[in-house]
Amino acid sequence: MKRIFYNVFREGSQVNQIICAFLICIPIYGYGTCIGWMSPMTLLLQSEKSPKGAPLTDNEISWMASLPYLICVPGTYLVAWLGDKYGRKNALLFMSAINAIIWILKLCSMNIWVFIVARILVGIVMAGSCVTCPTYIKEISDDNIRGALGCWGALFFTTGSLSAYIIGDMLSYEVILIVFLAVPLIHFLVFLIMPESPSFLIKKEKDQEATKALVWLRCRKSNDALIQEEINTIKREQKNDEGKGKYLMKNILTDKILFRAFQISLVAALARELCGAVPVLNFAGDIFSLASDVTGLVLSPNQQAMVLGVVQLCGATMASGIVERCGRRPLLFITCIISGISMCILATWFLLNEINIAVPAWIPVLTLCACIFCDAAGLMPISVIIAGETFSFKYRGTVLATTMAIASVADFFQLLFFKPLSKSIGIYAAFYFFGAMCLITALYVIFVVPETRNRQLEEIYYDLRTKKEKRELPK
C-alpha cells in the first residue's frame, strides 16, 4: 500500500493536476444535469401528474429550453471578465454558486417565472463551462496531458446529461432537485482548497503564490529548476503581450497572426455547432419512430435520450483517451469526415423515403449515432482545446467568449428555423447542408489548422506564417 501511495504521489507526478482538473469539471457536470433535466421533466411537467398542479404549455416549455442559448451570448463575456479580473478560481466558484441557486429556485417555487429565471441562470453556467473551465484546465496542466484533460469537459457534460435522464426516471421531482443541489454545494466547499491558475497569479505579480501553486500541481520542490523554467515561460508569454493595448478584439483583428489563429478557433467552434448534432438531437424522436416500424426498436422519448447519452459518453471517453496520442488535427479531421458522410447518408435516406423508394430503417439510427459520437469524440472537445492552445493568457478568455457567443447565436437560430425550413425545402436539404459543412471543415483542417499538441505558442504561430513571412524573420 505504501509503495502504491508513493508511486502515485512521487516527485513529478501529475496526480494533483488530474485531481484539480476533475474538480474544475464538476460545474460542467452540473451544466449537463441542467440541460438533461429538461428531457424527463418536460414529460412530467406537461402531464396531468405535474407537481405544479397544471400542465405547462408548449410555449412555456419552449422558452425554458431556448433561453440558456440566448443568455449564453452575454454570459460568455461576463465569465471571461470575471476570470481575467478576479481569477479563474473565483469565476469557477461563482459558477457553482449559480448552479446551486438554479436548483434552490426550483425547490422553492413552481411559478413559471421562477422556472424561467432558473433557465436564464443556466445560460451563465453554460458560458462558464465553455470559457472558464477549459481556460483553467489549460493553465494548470502539463503540455503532455492538457489535451486529454481538456476533453474532460465533453466527458463531464455528457455524464451529467445521462445521469439526469436516468435519475429523472427513477426518483421523485423533489428528490431529483435535492440530489442535483448537493453537487454544486459540495463542490464549492471542496474547491476552496484548490490553487489559483499560476498564469493569473503571475499576471497579478504574485510570483511566490504562483510558485507555490506550481509546486503542488507538479508535485515538485520549490527549488526545482523545472518550476522556475515554467515561471519564466509564463512571464515571457505575458511580456510578449505587453504594449498591445487594452482593446483585445481590436488587437486580434489587426494582428495578422492573431487574426489567423482567431479564424481557426471560430471555424472550429462553428463546425461544432453546424455538424448537425443540435438538430439531430431534436429530431431523434422522429427518426427512432420511423426506424421502429421495421426494426421493432420501440423506445420512449426518455429512453431515446438515454441511448444518445450513452453514445455521447462513449465518444467523449474515447476522445480523452486518444487525443494525446493521435493529436488534435487528425482527430478533428477524422470526426469531421465521418460526421459529414453520415449526414449525407441520412439526407439521402430522407430523400429516397420522400420519393417512396424502399430503404433500410436501420440507416437513420446508425447515422444519428455516428453524428452524435463524432460530435462528442472530436468536434465538441477539440474546438475548445484548439482555442485555448492558440492564444496566450491575455487573449484566451476573450477568444473563447467570442467564439462561444457566435456559436450560441448559431444554435439559437438553428433551433428556431430548422423545422420551418425543413418543411418548406425538405428535411434532406438541411442534412445535406450539415454534411457539406463537415466535409468543408475537414478540408480546412488539412490545409489551414496547425497541430497544437505539446507545442509552445511560438511554434504554433510560426506555422501560421506564410512562406514569405517566415523568410523575413530575423535569424
Foldseek 3Di string as FASTA:
>chain_A
DVVVVCVCLPFQHQNLLVVLLVLLLLLLLLLLLLLLLLQLLLVQQQDCNHPQNHHDDPVLSVLLNQLLLQLLQVLLVVLLCCCLPVFLLVSSLVSLVLSLVLLVLVLVDPDSVSSNVSSSSSSNSVSCLLFSSLLQSCQLDDLLQSLLSLLVSLLSSLVSSLVSLVVSVPDDPNVSSVVSSVSSVVSSVVSVPQATRLLSCVVVVNNVSSLVNNCSSRSHDSPDPVSVVVNVVSVVQVVVCPPQDDPQVVSQVPDQLSVLLLVLLLLLLQLLLLLCLLVLLVCVVVLQVQLCVPPVDDDDSSVSSNVLSVLLNVLSVLQSVCCSPPFQLVLLLVLLLQSLVLLLQLLVVQVCVVVPHDDRSCSVVVSSSSNSSSSSNHSPSSSSNSLSQQDRPSCSSVSSSNSSSVSSVVSSVCVVCVVVVCVVPNNSVSSNSSSVSSNVVSVCSVPRQDTRRSDHNVVRSLVNDDPVVNVPDDD
